N, C-alpha and C. Protein backbone atom coordinates (compact mmCIF):
# COMPACT_ATOMS: atom_id res chain seq x y z
N MET A 1 115.92 132.86 32.61
CA MET A 1 117.11 132.02 32.65
C MET A 1 116.96 130.98 33.72
N ASP A 2 117.23 129.74 33.37
CA ASP A 2 117.17 128.71 34.40
C ASP A 2 118.57 128.48 34.94
N SER A 3 118.68 127.55 35.87
CA SER A 3 119.97 127.36 36.58
C SER A 3 121.07 126.84 35.68
N THR A 4 120.73 126.07 34.63
CA THR A 4 121.82 125.58 33.74
C THR A 4 122.38 126.72 32.90
N ASP A 5 121.50 127.67 32.49
CA ASP A 5 122.01 128.84 31.75
C ASP A 5 122.93 129.67 32.62
N LEU A 6 122.50 129.85 33.85
CA LEU A 6 123.30 130.63 34.81
C LEU A 6 124.66 129.99 35.07
N ALA A 7 124.66 128.67 35.21
CA ALA A 7 125.89 127.94 35.44
C ALA A 7 126.82 128.06 34.22
N ALA A 8 126.26 128.03 33.03
CA ALA A 8 127.06 128.17 31.81
C ALA A 8 127.67 129.58 31.72
N VAL A 9 126.90 130.57 32.12
CA VAL A 9 127.42 131.94 32.10
C VAL A 9 128.61 132.08 33.06
N TRP A 10 128.46 131.58 34.27
CA TRP A 10 129.55 131.65 35.24
C TRP A 10 130.77 130.87 34.82
N LEU A 11 130.53 129.70 34.24
CA LEU A 11 131.68 128.91 33.76
C LEU A 11 132.42 129.66 32.64
N THR A 12 131.70 130.26 31.75
CA THR A 12 132.31 131.02 30.66
C THR A 12 133.08 132.20 31.21
N LEU A 13 132.53 132.91 32.17
CA LEU A 13 133.24 134.04 32.77
C LEU A 13 134.52 133.60 33.50
N LYS A 14 134.43 132.49 34.20
CA LYS A 14 135.60 132.00 34.92
C LYS A 14 136.70 131.55 33.98
N LEU A 15 136.31 130.86 32.91
CA LEU A 15 137.31 130.42 31.94
C LEU A 15 137.94 131.62 31.21
N ALA A 16 137.13 132.60 30.85
CA ALA A 16 137.64 133.79 30.20
C ALA A 16 138.64 134.53 31.11
N THR A 17 138.35 134.57 32.38
CA THR A 17 139.23 135.25 33.33
C THR A 17 140.57 134.48 33.46
N VAL A 18 140.51 133.18 33.56
CA VAL A 18 141.73 132.39 33.68
C VAL A 18 142.56 132.54 32.43
N VAL A 19 141.95 132.44 31.25
CA VAL A 19 142.68 132.58 30.00
C VAL A 19 143.32 133.94 29.87
N THR A 20 142.57 134.97 30.24
CA THR A 20 143.10 136.35 30.16
C THR A 20 144.29 136.54 31.07
N LEU A 21 144.20 136.03 32.30
CA LEU A 21 145.30 136.17 33.25
C LEU A 21 146.56 135.40 32.78
N LEU A 22 146.33 134.24 32.21
CA LEU A 22 147.48 133.47 31.70
C LEU A 22 148.13 134.19 30.52
N LEU A 23 147.34 134.74 29.62
CA LEU A 23 147.87 135.47 28.48
C LEU A 23 148.65 136.68 28.96
N LEU A 24 148.10 137.41 29.91
CA LEU A 24 148.84 138.58 30.41
C LEU A 24 150.14 138.20 31.10
N THR A 25 150.13 137.10 31.80
CA THR A 25 151.34 136.62 32.49
C THR A 25 152.43 136.26 31.47
N PHE A 26 152.04 135.49 30.45
CA PHE A 26 153.02 135.09 29.46
C PHE A 26 153.51 136.29 28.62
N MET A 27 152.60 137.23 28.33
CA MET A 27 153.02 138.43 27.59
C MET A 27 153.98 139.26 28.43
N GLY A 28 153.73 139.38 29.70
CA GLY A 28 154.61 140.11 30.60
C GLY A 28 155.98 139.48 30.69
N ASP A 29 156.01 138.17 30.78
CA ASP A 29 157.30 137.45 30.84
C ASP A 29 158.07 137.66 29.55
N ALA A 30 157.38 137.56 28.43
CA ALA A 30 158.07 137.75 27.11
C ALA A 30 158.59 139.18 26.99
N LEU A 31 157.78 140.14 27.41
CA LEU A 31 158.22 141.55 27.34
C LEU A 31 159.44 141.81 28.26
N ARG A 32 159.40 141.23 29.44
CA ARG A 32 160.53 141.39 30.37
C ARG A 32 161.77 140.75 29.78
N ASP A 33 161.64 139.55 29.22
CA ASP A 33 162.79 138.89 28.60
C ASP A 33 163.34 139.70 27.41
N ALA A 34 162.45 140.28 26.63
CA ALA A 34 162.89 141.04 25.45
C ALA A 34 163.60 142.35 25.85
N LEU A 35 163.21 142.95 26.96
CA LEU A 35 163.73 144.25 27.31
C LEU A 35 164.71 144.26 28.48
N ASP A 36 165.07 143.06 28.93
CA ASP A 36 166.00 142.93 30.06
C ASP A 36 167.39 143.35 29.67
N PRO A 37 167.91 144.45 30.22
CA PRO A 37 169.26 144.90 29.82
C PRO A 37 170.38 144.01 30.39
N ARG A 38 170.09 143.26 31.42
CA ARG A 38 171.11 142.41 32.01
C ARG A 38 171.22 141.06 31.34
N LYS A 39 170.34 140.77 30.41
CA LYS A 39 170.35 139.47 29.73
C LYS A 39 171.49 139.46 28.71
N ALA A 40 172.26 138.40 28.76
CA ALA A 40 173.37 138.28 27.81
C ALA A 40 172.83 137.85 26.45
N ASP A 41 173.29 138.47 25.37
CA ASP A 41 172.87 138.10 24.06
C ASP A 41 173.51 136.74 23.72
N LYS A 42 172.66 135.86 23.20
CA LYS A 42 173.14 134.53 22.83
C LYS A 42 172.88 134.25 21.38
């Protein structure tokens, strides 16, 4: 593996990590909103 392959691997891992964390954050917010007993029904 040369340096460009290694850079591509790290970039892919970093992007996958960011996307995963964003998805987990948005899913957590949606779950909290759906199950919040104090939320008024509109």
